[in-house]
Every structure is written in C-alpha cells, then in structure tokens.
C-alpha cells in the first residue's frame, strides 16, 4: 500500500465535486488567492493588531504577494504562468510564514517557561 493512497483517494473524491459545483470552486479560489497568504504574513509581521485590521491587511497583502510572486517566478525563473504553478506558488507563500510563526511561538513558550 502506497503512503499517498489516502491523499489520492481524497482528491479523487473531492476534485469531481469541485469541478461540478462552480460556487465551491469560486469560494475556495477567492479565499486561497485573496485572503490566506496575506493572513499568514500578518501573523508574522504584525504582532499586536486586532482582528478587523488583520483581515483588512490580509486582503491587501494577499493581492500584492500573489501577483508579485507569480510574476517574479515567471520573469526570474522563467516559470510559465499556469494554474498549477500559480497554486504551488500560493501554497509556498502561505506555508513559509506559517512555519516562521509557529517556530517563533514555540521559542516564546520556551523562553517564558525558563
């Protein structure tokens, strides 16, 4: 049994649903492109911001980061702009700040405990 088989079966189940229901696809795309990357970066950059400000900053940062990242990947690394490449770029610019945020959070907990 392959270790990726549960992931493959999940995507085999969900992708036809997403393809047949364009509203779900639009909502997921909107959140992925216009909210998540900016929200992840606001967790790292802005420590003492309330939730309303964080949400507003998330939209602006996401629009800027996604657009610039995809275009820079195209110009600098000569990566074609396709749906998959854009998705992978968005995932990278979302996961990197989350990793930084959790590492900083663990460090703060350890320093408070000592």
PDB file of N, CA and C in Angstrom:
ATOM      1  N   UNK A   1       0.845  -1.172   0.000  1.00  0.00           N
ATOM      2  CA  UNK A   1       0.000   0.000   0.000  1.00  0.00           C
ATOM      3  C   UNK A   1       0.893   1.239   0.000  1.00  0.00           C
ATOM      4  N   UNK A   2       0.604   2.122  -0.901  1.00  0.00           N
ATOM      5  CA  UNK A   2       1.367   3.353  -1.031  1.00  0.00           C
ATOM      6  C   UNK A   2       0.961   4.333   0.056  1.00  0.00           C
ATOM      7  N   UNK A   3       1.916   5.079   0.611  1.00  0.00           N
ATOM      8  CA  UNK A   3       1.612   6.007   1.703  1.00  0.00           C
ATOM      9  C   UNK A   3       0.800   7.200   1.228  1.00  0.00           C
ATOM     10  N   UNK A   4       0.787   7.468  -0.077  1.00  0.00           N
ATOM     11  CA  UNK A   4      -0.005   8.571  -0.611  1.00  0.00           C
ATOM     12  C   UNK A   4      -1.412   8.162  -1.028  1.00  0.00           C
ATOM     13  N   UNK A   5      -1.751   6.899  -0.882  1.00  0.00           N
ATOM     14  CA  UNK A   5      -3.070   6.454  -1.335  1.00  0.00           C
ATOM     15  C   UNK A   5      -4.232   7.140  -0.612  1.00  0.00           C
ATOM     16  N   UNK A   6      -4.155   7.447   0.698  1.00  0.00           N
ATOM     17  CA  UNK A   6      -5.264   8.190   1.303  1.00  0.00           C
ATOM     18  C   UNK A   6      -5.422   9.591   0.715  1.00  0.00           C
ATOM     19  N   UNK A   7      -4.306  10.241   0.419  1.00  0.00           N
ATOM     20  CA  UNK A   7      -4.367  11.568  -0.180  1.00  0.00           C
ATOM     21  C   UNK A   7      -4.950  11.482  -1.577  1.00  0.00           C
ATOM     22  N   UNK A   8      -4.507  10.487  -2.338  1.00  0.00           N
ATOM     23  CA  UNK A   8      -5.012  10.305  -3.695  1.00  0.00           C
ATOM     24  C   UNK A   8      -6.508  10.006  -3.679  1.00  0.00           C
ATOM     25  N   UNK A   9      -6.957   9.170  -2.762  1.00  0.00           N
ATOM     26  CA  UNK A   9      -8.387   8.864  -2.702  1.00  0.00           C
ATOM     27  C   UNK A   9      -9.196  10.092  -2.283  1.00  0.00           C
ATOM     28  N   UNK A  10      -8.631  10.941  -1.411  1.00  0.00           N
ATOM     29  CA  UNK A  10      -9.322  12.177  -1.024  1.00  0.00           C
ATOM     30  C   UNK A  10      -9.501  13.084  -2.237  1.00  0.00           C
ATOM     31  N   UNK A  11      -8.424  13.272  -3.012  1.00  0.00           N
ATOM     32  CA  UNK A  11      -8.524  14.134  -4.183  1.00  0.00           C
ATOM     33  C   UNK A  11      -9.381  13.515  -5.281  1.00  0.00           C
ATOM     34  N   UNK A  12      -9.362  12.188  -5.410  1.00  0.00           N
ATOM     35  CA  UNK A  12     -10.232  11.532  -6.387  1.00  0.00           C
ATOM     36  C   UNK A  12     -11.704  11.757  -6.044  1.00  0.00           C
ATOM     37  N   UNK A  13     -11.996  11.911  -4.762  1.00  0.00           N
ATOM     38  CA  UNK A  13     -13.368  12.156  -4.330  1.00  0.00           C
ATOM     39  C   UNK A  13     -13.755  13.632  -4.451  1.00  0.00           C
ATOM     40  N   UNK A  14     -12.851  14.540  -4.074  1.00  0.00           N
ATOM     41  CA  UNK A  14     -13.210  15.957  -3.992  1.00  0.00           C
ATOM     42  C   UNK A  14     -13.106  16.709  -5.306  1.00  0.00           C
ATOM     43  N   UNK A  15     -12.180  16.361  -6.170  1.00  0.00           N
ATOM     44  CA  UNK A  15     -11.992  17.133  -7.405  1.00  0.00           C
ATOM     45  C   UNK A  15     -13.218  17.081  -8.314  1.00  0.00           C
ATOM     46  N   UNK A  16     -13.865  15.947  -8.517  1.00  0.00           N
ATOM     47  CA  UNK A  16     -15.089  15.982  -9.336  1.00  0.00           C
ATOM     48  C   UNK A  16     -16.188  16.847  -8.723  1.00  0.00           C
ATOM     49  N   UNK A  17     -16.275  16.878  -7.390  1.00  0.00           N
ATOM     50  CA  UNK A  17     -17.287  17.718  -6.741  1.00  0.00           C
ATOM     51  C   UNK A  17     -16.977  19.182  -6.999  1.00  0.00           C
ATOM     52  N   UNK A  18     -15.712  19.567  -6.844  1.00  0.00           N
ATOM     53  CA  UNK A  18     -15.314  20.959  -7.057  1.00  0.00           C
ATOM     54  C   UNK A  18     -15.509  21.357  -8.514  1.00  0.00           C
ATOM     55  N   UNK A  19     -15.219  20.446  -9.438  1.00  0.00           N
ATOM     56  CA  UNK A  19     -15.404  20.752 -10.855  1.00  0.00           C
ATOM     57  C   UNK A  19     -16.873  20.903 -11.232  1.00  0.00           C
ATOM     58  N   UNK A  20     -17.750  20.147 -10.589  1.00  0.00           N
ATOM     59  CA  UNK A  20     -19.171  20.192 -10.934  1.00  0.00           C
ATOM     60  C   UNK A  20     -19.937  21.287 -10.202  1.00  0.00           C
ATOM     61  N   UNK A  21     -19.387  21.834  -9.135  1.00  0.00           N
ATOM     62  CA  UNK A  21     -20.055  22.890  -8.378  1.00  0.00           C
ATOM     63  C   UNK A  21     -19.165  24.132  -8.426  1.00  0.00           C
ATOM     64  N   UNK A  22     -19.402  25.007  -9.404  1.00  0.00           N
ATOM     65  CA  UNK A  22     -18.504  26.149  -9.572  1.00  0.00           C
ATOM     66  C   UNK A  22     -18.535  27.152  -8.414  1.00  0.00           C
ATOM     67  N   UNK A  23     -19.605  27.154  -7.630  1.00  0.00           N
ATOM     68  CA  UNK A  23     -19.668  28.077  -6.493  1.00  0.00           C
ATOM     69  C   UNK A  23     -18.614  27.707  -5.450  1.00  0.00           C
ATOM     70  N   UNK A  24     -18.468  26.425  -5.170  1.00  0.00           N
ATOM     71  CA  UNK A  24     -17.452  25.971  -4.216  1.00  0.00           C
ATOM     72  C   UNK A  24     -16.061  26.299  -4.738  1.00  0.00           C
ATOM     73  N   UNK A  25     -15.849  26.072  -6.011  1.00  0.00           N
ATOM     74  CA  UNK A  25     -14.549  26.364  -6.627  1.00  0.00           C
ATOM     75  C   UNK A  25     -14.240  27.860  -6.550  1.00  0.00           C
ATOM     76  N   UNK A  26     -15.234  28.701  -6.774  1.00  0.00           N
ATOM     77  CA  UNK A  26     -15.026  30.145  -6.712  1.00  0.00           C
ATOM     78  C   UNK A  26     -14.721  30.596  -5.285  1.00  0.00           C
ATOM     79  N   UNK A  27     -15.430  30.054  -4.315  1.00  0.00           N
ATOM     80  CA  UNK A  27     -15.195  30.425  -2.920  1.00  0.00           C
ATOM     81  C   UNK A  27     -13.806  29.986  -2.476  1.00  0.00           C
ATOM     82  N   UNK A  28     -13.433  28.751  -2.773  1.00  0.00           N
ATOM     83  CA  UNK A  28     -12.105  28.267  -2.413  1.00  0.00           C
ATOM     84  C   UNK A  28     -11.007  29.071  -3.102  1.00  0.00           C
ATOM     85  N   UNK A  29     -11.208  29.395  -4.371  1.00  0.00           N
ATOM     86  CA  UNK A  29     -10.228  30.200  -5.097  1.00  0.00           C
ATOM     87  C   UNK A  29     -10.100  31.595  -4.526  1.00  0.00           C
ATOM     88  N   UNK A  30     -11.222  32.200  -4.172  1.00  0.00           N
ATOM     89  CA  UNK A  30     -11.198  33.542  -3.594  1.00  0.00           C
ATOM     90  C   UNK A  30     -10.426  33.552  -2.277  1.00  0.00           C
ATOM     91  N   UNK A  31     -10.725  32.587  -1.406  1.00  0.00           N
ATOM     92  CA  UNK A  31     -10.047  32.525  -0.111  1.00  0.00           C
ATOM     93  C   UNK A  31      -8.560  32.241  -0.302  1.00  0.00           C
ATOM     94  N   UNK A  32      -8.231  31.339  -1.208  1.00  0.00           N
ATOM     95  CA  UNK A  32      -6.836  30.965  -1.432  1.00  0.00           C
ATOM     96  C   UNK A  32      -6.022  32.107  -2.026  1.00  0.00           C
ATOM     97  N   UNK A  33      -6.599  32.870  -2.929  1.00  0.00           N
ATOM     98  CA  UNK A  33      -5.849  33.934  -3.603  1.00  0.00           C
ATOM     99  C   UNK A  33      -5.913  35.246  -2.844  1.00  0.00           C
ATOM    100  N   UNK A  34      -7.074  35.609  -2.316  1.00  0.00           N
ATOM    101  CA  UNK A  34      -7.261  36.943  -1.767  1.00  0.00           C
ATOM    102  C   UNK A  34      -7.186  37.040  -0.243  1.00  0.00           C
ATOM    103  N   UNK A  35      -7.036  35.917   0.465  1.00  0.00           N
ATOM    104  CA  UNK A  35      -7.048  36.023   1.921  1.00  0.00           C
ATOM    105  C   UNK A  35      -5.913  35.279   2.623  1.00  0.00           C
ATOM    106  N   UNK A  36      -5.756  33.993   2.365  1.00  0.00           N
ATOM    107  CA  UNK A  36      -4.836  33.170   3.153  1.00  0.00           C
ATOM    108  C   UNK A  36      -3.380  33.623   3.140  1.00  0.00           C
ATOM    109  N   UNK A  37      -2.779  33.929   1.996  1.00  0.00           N
ATOM    110  CA  UNK A  37      -1.361  34.346   2.054  1.00  0.00           C
ATOM    111  C   UNK A  37      -1.148  35.614   2.879  1.00  0.00           C
ATOM    112  N   UNK A  38      -2.011  36.581   2.718  1.00  0.00           N
ATOM    113  CA  UNK A  38      -1.891  37.813   3.481  1.00  0.00           C
ATOM    114  C   UNK A  38      -2.125  37.594   4.963  1.00  0.00           C
ATOM    115  N   UNK A  39      -3.084  36.745   5.303  1.00  0.00           N
ATOM    116  CA  UNK A  39      -3.354  36.458   6.708  1.00  0.00           C
ATOM    117  C   UNK A  39      -2.154  35.780   7.356  1.00  0.00           C
ATOM    118  N   UNK A  40      -1.543  34.843   6.636  1.00  0.00           N
ATOM    119  CA  UNK A  40      -0.362  34.162   7.169  1.00  0.00           C
ATOM    120  C   UNK A  40       0.773  35.154   7.413  1.00  0.00           C
ATOM    121  N   UNK A  41       0.983  36.073   6.491  1.00  0.00           N
ATOM    122  CA  UNK A  41       2.054  37.054   6.669  1.00  0.00           C
ATOM    123  C   UNK A  41       1.725  38.066   7.758  1.00  0.00           C
ATOM    124  N   UNK A  42       0.453  38.393   7.975  1.00  0.00           N
ATOM    125  CA  UNK A  42       0.128  39.322   9.059  1.00  0.00           C
ATOM    126  C   UNK A  42       0.403  38.705  10.425  1.00  0.00           C
ATOM    127  N   UNK A  43       0.309  37.384  10.520  1.00  0.00           N
ATOM    128  CA  UNK A  43       0.651  36.718  11.777  1.00  0.00           C
ATOM    129  C   UNK A  43       2.125  36.911  12.120  1.00  0.00           C
ATOM    130  N   UNK A  44       2.967  36.939  11.104  1.00  0.00           N
ATOM    131  CA  UNK A  44       4.408  37.079  11.324  1.00  0.00           C
ATOM    132  C   UNK A  44       4.801  38.539  11.500  1.00  0.00           C
ATOM    133  N   UNK A  45       4.268  39.411  10.670  1.00  0.00           N
ATOM    134  CA  UNK A  45       4.733  40.795  10.634  1.00  0.00           C
ATOM    135  C   UNK A  45       4.092  41.653  11.717  1.00  0.00           C
ATOM    136  N   UNK A  46       2.786  41.567  11.873  1.00  0.00           N
ATOM    137  CA  UNK A  46       2.058  42.439  12.785  1.00  0.00           C
ATOM    138  C   UNK A  46       1.661  41.658  14.034  1.00  0.00           C
ATOM    139  N   UNK A  47       2.348  41.918  15.130  1.00  0.00           N
ATOM    140  CA  UNK A  47       2.108  41.162  16.360  1.00  0.00           C
ATOM    141  C   UNK A  47       0.873  41.636  17.121  1.00  0.00           C
ATOM    142  N   UNK A  48       0.701  42.946  17.255  1.00  0.00           N
ATOM    143  CA  UNK A  48      -0.377  43.475  18.096  1.00  0.00           C
ATOM    144  C   UNK A  48      -1.410  44.214  17.258  1.00  0.00           C
ATOM    145  N   UNK A  49      -2.079  43.484  16.399  1.00  0.00           N
ATOM    146  CA  UNK A  49      -3.116  44.056  15.547  1.00  0.00           C
ATOM    147  C   UNK A  49      -4.410  43.321  15.855  1.00  0.00           C
ATOM    148  N   UNK A  50      -5.519  44.070  15.949  1.00  0.00           N
ATOM    149  CA  UNK A  50      -6.788  43.396  16.230  1.00  0.00           C
ATOM    150  C   UNK A  50      -7.299  42.676  14.970  1.00  0.00           C
ATOM    151  N   UNK A  51      -8.359  41.909  15.128  1.00  0.00           N
ATOM    152  CA  UNK A  51      -8.815  41.024  14.053  1.00  0.00           C
ATOM    153  C   UNK A  51      -9.335  41.777  12.828  1.00  0.00           C
ATOM    154  N   UNK A  52     -10.007  42.878  13.026  1.00  0.00           N
ATOM    155  CA  UNK A  52     -10.540  43.630  11.885  1.00  0.00           C
ATOM    156  C   UNK A  52      -9.409  44.205  11.045  1.00  0.00           C
ATOM    157  N   UNK A  53      -8.407  44.762  11.718  1.00  0.00           N
ATOM    158  CA  UNK A  53      -7.249  45.279  10.988  1.00  0.00           C
ATOM    159  C   UNK A  53      -6.494  44.157  10.298  1.00  0.00           C
ATOM    160  N   UNK A  54      -6.368  43.006  10.964  1.00  0.00           N
ATOM    161  CA  UNK A  54      -5.649  41.867  10.375  1.00  0.00           C
ATOM    162  C   UNK A  54      -6.356  41.373   9.113  1.00  0.00           C
ATOM    163  N   UNK A  55      -7.688  41.340   9.136  1.00  0.00           N
ATOM    164  CA  UNK A  55      -8.438  40.900   7.952  1.00  0.00           C
ATOM    165  C   UNK A  55      -8.272  41.897   6.814  1.00  0.00           C
ATOM    166  N   UNK A  56      -8.348  43.189   7.123  1.00  0.00           N
ATOM    167  CA  UNK A  56      -8.170  44.205   6.082  1.00  0.00           C
ATOM    168  C   UNK A  56      -6.761  44.147   5.492  1.00  0.00           C
ATOM    169  N   UNK A  57      -5.766  44.008   6.344  1.00  0.00           N
ATOM    170  CA  UNK A  57      -4.384  43.896   5.863  1.00  0.00           C
ATOM    171  C   UNK A  57      -4.180  42.617   5.042  1.00  0.00           C
ATOM    172  N   UNK A  58      -4.900  41.565   5.414  1.00  0.00           N
ATOM    173  CA  UNK A  58      -4.764  40.285   4.706  1.00  0.00           C
ATOM    174  C   UNK A  58      -5.149  40.412   3.242  1.00  0.00           C
ATOM    175  N   UNK A  59      -6.222  41.125   2.960  1.00  0.00           N
ATOM    176  CA  UNK A  59      -6.640  41.281   1.571  1.00  0.00           C
ATOM    177  C   UNK A  59      -5.596  42.037   0.759  1.00  0.00           C
ATOM    178  N   UNK A  60      -5.112  43.144   1.298  1.00  0.00           N
ATOM    179  CA  UNK A  60      -4.115  43.926   0.574  1.00  0.00           C
ATOM    180  C   UNK A  60      -2.811  43.178   0.376  1.00  0.00           C
ATOM    181  N   UNK A  61      -2.324  42.537   1.434  1.00  0.00           N
ATOM    182  CA  UNK A  61      -1.084  41.775   1.318  1.00  0.00           C
ATOM    183  C   UNK A  61      -1.225  40.603   0.359  1.00  0.00           C
ATOM    184  N   UNK A  62      -2.356  39.923   0.402  1.00  0.00           N
ATOM    185  CA  UNK A  62      -2.557  38.777  -0.489  1.00  0.00           C
ATOM    186  C   UNK A  62      -2.538  39.187  -1.952  1.00  0.00           C
ATOM    187  N   UNK A  63      -3.236  40.257  -2.268  1.00  0.00           N
ATOM    188  CA  UNK A  63      -3.265  40.713  -3.662  1.00  0.00           C
ATOM    189  C   UNK A  63      -1.856  41.050  -4.125  1.00  0.00           C
ATOM    190  N   UNK A  64      -1.118  41.779  -3.296  1.00  0.00           N
ATOM    191  CA  UNK A  64       0.242  42.174  -3.674  1.00  0.00           C
ATOM    192  C   UNK A  64       1.178  40.967  -3.754  1.00  0.00           C
ATOM    193  N   UNK A  65       1.154  40.114  -2.735  1.00  0.00           N
ATOM    194  CA  UNK A  65       2.085  38.989  -2.688  1.00  0.00           C
ATOM    195  C   UNK A  65       1.842  37.970  -3.791  1.00  0.00           C
ATOM    196  N   UNK A  66       0.595  37.623  -4.015  1.00  0.00           N
ATOM    197  CA  UNK A  66       0.289  36.618  -5.039  1.00  0.00           C
ATOM    198  C   UNK A  66       0.671  37.134  -6.425  1.00  0.00           C
ATOM    199  N   UNK A  67       0.278  38.361  -6.719  1.00  0.00           N
ATOM    200  CA  UNK A  67       0.586  38.927  -8.035  1.00  0.00           C
ATOM    201  C   UNK A  67       2.088  39.022  -8.258  1.00  0.00           C
ATOM    202  N   UNK A  68       2.783  39.603  -7.302  1.00  0.00           N
ATOM    203  CA  UNK A  68       4.231  39.765  -7.459  1.00  0.00           C
ATOM    204  C   UNK A  68       4.969  38.432  -7.480  1.00  0.00           C
ATOM    205  N   UNK A  69       4.562  37.482  -6.667  1.00  0.00           N
ATOM    206  CA  UNK A  69       5.240  36.180  -6.632  1.00  0.00           C
ATOM    207  C   UNK A  69       5.096  35.431  -7.944  1.00  0.00           C
ATOM    208  N   UNK A  70       3.896  35.423  -8.484  1.00  0.00           N
ATOM    209  CA  UNK A  70       3.677  34.707  -9.747  1.00  0.00           C
ATOM    210  C   UNK A  70       4.440  35.389 -10.887  1.00  0.00           C
ATOM    211  N   UNK A  71       4.388  36.713 -10.931  1.00  0.00           N
ATOM    212  CA  UNK A  71       5.103  37.424 -11.994  1.00  0.00           C
ATOM    213  C   UNK A  71       6.612  37.312 -11.844  1.00  0.00           C
ATOM    214  N   UNK A  72       7.131  37.395 -10.621  1.00  0.00           N
ATOM    215  CA  UNK A  72       8.571  37.250 -10.423  1.00  0.00           C
ATOM    216  C   UNK A  72       9.052  35.837 -10.742  1.00  0.00           C
ATOM    217  N   UNK A  73       8.259  34.835 -10.400  1.00  0.00           N
ATOM    218  CA  UNK A  73       8.625  33.463 -10.758  1.00  0.00           C
ATOM    219  C   UNK A  73       8.688  33.313 -12.270  1.00  0.00           C
ATOM    220  N   UNK A  74       7.796  34.001 -12.973  1.00  0.00           N
ATOM    221  CA  UNK A  74       7.802  33.948 -14.435  1.00  0.00           C
ATOM    222  C   UNK A  74       9.015  34.662 -15.005  1.00  0.00           C
ATOM    223  N   UNK A  75       9.318  35.842 -14.500  1.00  0.00           N
ATOM    224  CA  UNK A  75      10.402  36.642 -15.073  1.00  0.00           C
ATOM    225  C   UNK A  75      11.771  36.115 -14.663  1.00  0.00           C
ATOM    226  N   UNK A  76      11.969  35.854 -13.378  1.00  0.00           N
ATOM    227  CA  UNK A  76      13.300  35.479 -12.895  1.00  0.00           C
ATOM    228  C   UNK A  76      13.625  34.021 -13.193  1.00  0.00           C
ATOM    229  N   UNK A  77      12.713  33.118 -12.874  1.00  0.00           N
ATOM    230  CA  UNK A  77      12.984  31.691 -13.026  1.00  0.00           C
ATOM    231  C   UNK A  77      12.419  31.095 -14.307  1.00  0.00           C
ATOM    232  N   UNK A  78      11.788  31.928 -15.120  1.00  0.00           N
ATOM    233  CA  UNK A  78      11.220  31.508 -16.397  1.00  0.00           C
ATOM    234  C   UNK A  78      10.193  30.374 -16.217  1.00  0.00           C
ATOM    235  N   UNK A  79       9.394  30.476 -15.168  1.00  0.00           N
ATOM    236  CA  UNK A  79       8.332  29.503 -14.892  1.00  0.00           C
ATOM    237  C   UNK A  79       7.065  30.006 -15.566  1.00  0.00           C
ATOM    238  N   UNK A  80       6.464  29.158 -16.378  1.00  0.00           N
ATOM    239  CA  UNK A  80       5.233  29.554 -17.068  1.00  0.00           C
ATOM    240  C   UNK A  80       4.115  29.808 -16.074  1.00  0.00           C
ATOM    241  N   UNK A  81       3.242  30.732 -16.411  1.00  0.00           N
ATOM    242  CA  UNK A  81       2.094  31.034 -15.555  1.00  0.00           C
ATOM    243  C   UNK A  81       0.953  30.105 -15.946  1.00  0.00           C
ATOM    244  N   UNK A  82       0.774  29.068 -15.146  1.00  0.00           N
ATOM    245  CA  UNK A  82      -0.328  28.125 -15.332  1.00  0.00           C
ATOM    246  C   UNK A  82      -1.081  28.020 -14.014  1.00  0.00           C
ATOM    247  N   UNK A  83      -2.192  27.347 -14.041  1.00  0.00           N
ATOM    248  CA  UNK A  83      -2.973  27.188 -12.821  1.00  0.00           C
ATOM    249  C   UNK A  83      -2.214  26.427 -11.749  1.00  0.00           C
ATOM    250  N   UNK A  84      -1.556  25.338 -12.134  1.00  0.00           N
ATOM    251  CA  UNK A  84      -0.811  24.533 -11.171  1.00  0.00           C
ATOM    252  C   UNK A  84       0.378  25.302 -10.610  1.00  0.00           C
ATOM    253  N   UNK A  85       1.136  25.976 -11.470  1.00  0.00           N
ATOM    254  CA  UNK A  85       2.289  26.746 -10.993  1.00  0.00           C
ATOM    255  C   UNK A  85       1.855  27.886 -10.081  1.00  0.00           C
ATOM    256  N   UNK A  86       0.761  28.536 -10.413  1.00  0.00           N
ATOM    257  CA  UNK A  86       0.244  29.600  -9.554  1.00  0.00           C
ATOM    258  C   UNK A  86      -0.209  29.036  -8.215  1.00  0.00           C
ATOM    259  N   UNK A  87      -0.874  27.902  -8.234  1.00  0.00           N
ATOM    260  CA  UNK A  87      -1.322  27.248  -6.997  1.00  0.00           C
ATOM    261  C   UNK A  87      -0.141  26.886  -6.111  1.00  0.00           C
ATOM    262  N   UNK A  88       0.897  26.310  -6.699  1.00  0.00           N
ATOM    263  CA  UNK A  88       2.072  25.944  -5.921  1.00  0.00           C
ATOM    264  C   UNK A  88       2.778  27.170  -5.350  1.00  0.00           C
ATOM    265  N   UNK A  89       2.837  28.245  -6.121  1.00  0.00           N
ATOM    266  CA  UNK A  89       3.434  29.485  -5.623  1.00  0.00           C
ATOM    267  C   UNK A  89       2.634  30.027  -4.455  1.00  0.00           C
ATOM    268  N   UNK A  90       1.317  30.011  -4.555  1.00  0.00           N
ATOM    269  CA  UNK A  90       0.454  30.496  -3.473  1.00  0.00           C
ATOM    270  C   UNK A  90       0.627  29.631  -2.227  1.00  0.00           C
ATOM    271  N   UNK A  91       0.714  28.328  -2.406  1.00  0.00           N
ATOM    272  CA  UNK A  91       0.917  27.434  -1.261  1.00  0.00           C
ATOM    273  C   UNK A  91       2.250  27.739  -0.583  1.00  0.00           C
ATOM    274  N   UNK A  92       3.298  27.966  -1.362  1.00  0.00           N
ATOM    275  CA  UNK A  92       4.613  28.272  -0.783  1.00  0.00           C
ATOM    276  C   UNK A  92       4.577  29.579  -0.009  1.00  0.00           C
ATOM    277  N   UNK A  93       3.978  30.628  -0.600  1.00  0.00           N
ATOM    278  CA  UNK A  93       3.970  31.912   0.109  1.00  0.00           C
ATOM    279  C   UNK A  93       2.973  31.924   1.262  1.00  0.00           C
ATOM    280  N   UNK A  94       2.190  30.875   1.416  1.00  0.00           N
ATOM    281  CA  UNK A  94       1.301  30.749   2.573  1.00  0.00           C
ATOM    282  C   UNK A  94       1.944  29.892   3.660  1.00  0.00           C
ATOM    283  N   UNK A  95       2.645  28.848   3.288  1.00  0.00           N
ATOM    284  CA  UNK A  95       3.220  27.919   4.258  1.00  0.00           C
ATOM    285  C   UNK A  95       4.468  28.501   4.928  1.00  0.00           C
ATOM    286  N   UNK A  96       5.286  29.232   4.200  1.00  0.00           N
ATOM    287  CA  UNK A  96       6.529  29.782   4.760  1.00  0.00           C
ATOM    288  C   UNK A  96       6.257  30.669   5.983  1.00  0.00           C
ATOM    289  N   UNK A  97       5.343  31.640   5.916  1.00  0.00           N
ATOM    290  CA  UNK A  97       5.110  32.445   7.125  1.00  0.00           C
ATOM    291  C   UNK A  97       4.462  31.656   8.258  1.00  0.00           C
ATOM    292  N   UNK A  98       3.667  30.637   7.934  1.00  0.00           N
ATOM    293  CA  UNK A  98       3.078  29.826   8.996  1.00  0.00           C
ATOM    294  C   UNK A  98       4.148  29.053   9.747  1.00  0.00           C
ATOM    295  N   UNK A  99       5.144  28.547   9.037  1.00  0.00           N
ATOM    296  CA  UNK A  99       6.262  27.859   9.685  1.00  0.00           C
ATOM    297  C   UNK A  99       7.035  28.838  10.567  1.00  0.00           C
ATOM    298  N   UNK A 100       7.308  30.025  10.056  1.00  0.00           N
ATOM    299  CA  UNK A 100       8.010  31.045  10.837  1.00  0.00           C
ATOM    300  C   UNK A 100       7.203  31.402  12.085  1.00  0.00           C
ATOM    301  N   UNK A 101       5.897  31.567  11.931  1.00  0.00           N
ATOM    302  CA  UNK A 101       5.029  31.920  13.056  1.00  0.00           C
ATOM    303  C   UNK A 101       5.069  30.853  14.144  1.00  0.00           C
ATOM    304  N   UNK A 102       4.962  29.577  13.768  1.00  0.00           N
ATOM    305  CA  UNK A 102       4.957  28.516  14.768  1.00  0.00           C
ATOM    306  C   UNK A 102       6.321  28.336  15.420  1.00  0.00           C
ATOM    307  N   UNK A 103       7.400  28.536  14.679  1.00  0.00           N
ATOM    308  CA  UNK A 103       8.736  28.471  15.285  1.00  0.00           C
ATOM    309  C   UNK A 103       8.896  29.582  16.310  1.00  0.00           C
ATOM    310  N   UNK A 104       8.477  30.799  15.964  1.00  0.00           N
ATOM    311  CA  UNK A 104       8.542  31.911  16.914  1.00  0.00           C
ATOM    312  C   UNK A 104       7.658  31.665  18.132  1.00  0.00           C
ATOM    313  N   UNK A 105       6.524  31.067  17.920  1.00  0.00           N
ATOM    314  CA  UNK A 105       5.602  30.771  19.021  1.00  0.00           C
ATOM    315  C   UNK A 105       6.205  29.747  19.984  1.00  0.00           C
ATOM    316  N   UNK A 106       6.845  28.730  19.445  1.00  0.00           N
ATOM    317  CA  UNK A 106       7.499  27.717  20.284  1.00  0.00           C
ATOM    318  C   UNK A 106       8.657  28.343  21.057  1.00  0.00           C
ATOM    319  N   UNK A 107       9.420  29.208  20.399  1.00  0.00           N
ATOM    320  CA  UNK A 107      10.522  29.899  21.079  1.00  0.00           C
ATOM    321  C   UNK A 107      10.021  30.746  22.248  1.00  0.00           C
ATOM    322  N   UNK A 108       8.922  31.476  22.025  1.00  0.00           N
ATOM    323  CA  UNK A 108       8.376  32.325  23.093  1.00  0.00           C
ATOM    324  C   UNK A 108       7.899  31.489  24.281  1.00  0.00           C
ATOM    325  N   UNK A 109       7.269  30.343  23.996  1.00  0.00           N
ATOM    326  CA  UNK A 109       6.807  29.472  25.078  1.00  0.00           C
ATOM    327  C   UNK A 109       7.985  28.938  25.878  1.00  0.00           C
ATOM    328  N   UNK A 110       9.065  28.553  25.174  1.00  0.00           N
ATOM    329  CA  UNK A 110      10.241  28.034  25.870  1.00  0.00           C
ATOM    330  C   UNK A 110      10.919  29.114  26.702  1.00  0.00           C
ATOM    331  N   UNK A 111      10.982  30.328  26.178  1.00  0.00           N
ATOM    332  CA  UNK A 111      11.633  31.400  26.930  1.00  0.00           C
ATOM    333  C   UNK A 111      10.794  31.844  28.137  1.00  0.00           C
ATOM    334  N   UNK A 112       9.485  31.760  28.054  1.00  0.00           N
ATOM    335  CA  UNK A 112       8.636  32.077  29.203  1.00  0.00           C
ATOM    336  C   UNK A 112       8.694  30.978  30.258  1.00  0.00           C
ATOM    337  N   UNK A 113       8.900  29.748  29.826  1.00  0.00           N
ATOM    338  CA  UNK A 113       8.950  28.622  30.755  1.00  0.00           C
ATOM    339  C   UNK A 113      10.243  28.559  31.550  1.00  0.00           C
ATOM    340  N   UNK A 114      11.303  29.156  31.077  1.00  0.00           N
ATOM    341  CA  UNK A 114      12.598  29.065  31.770  1.00  0.00           C
ATOM    342  C   UNK A 114      12.772  30.104  32.801  1.00  0.00           C
TER     343      UNK A 114
END
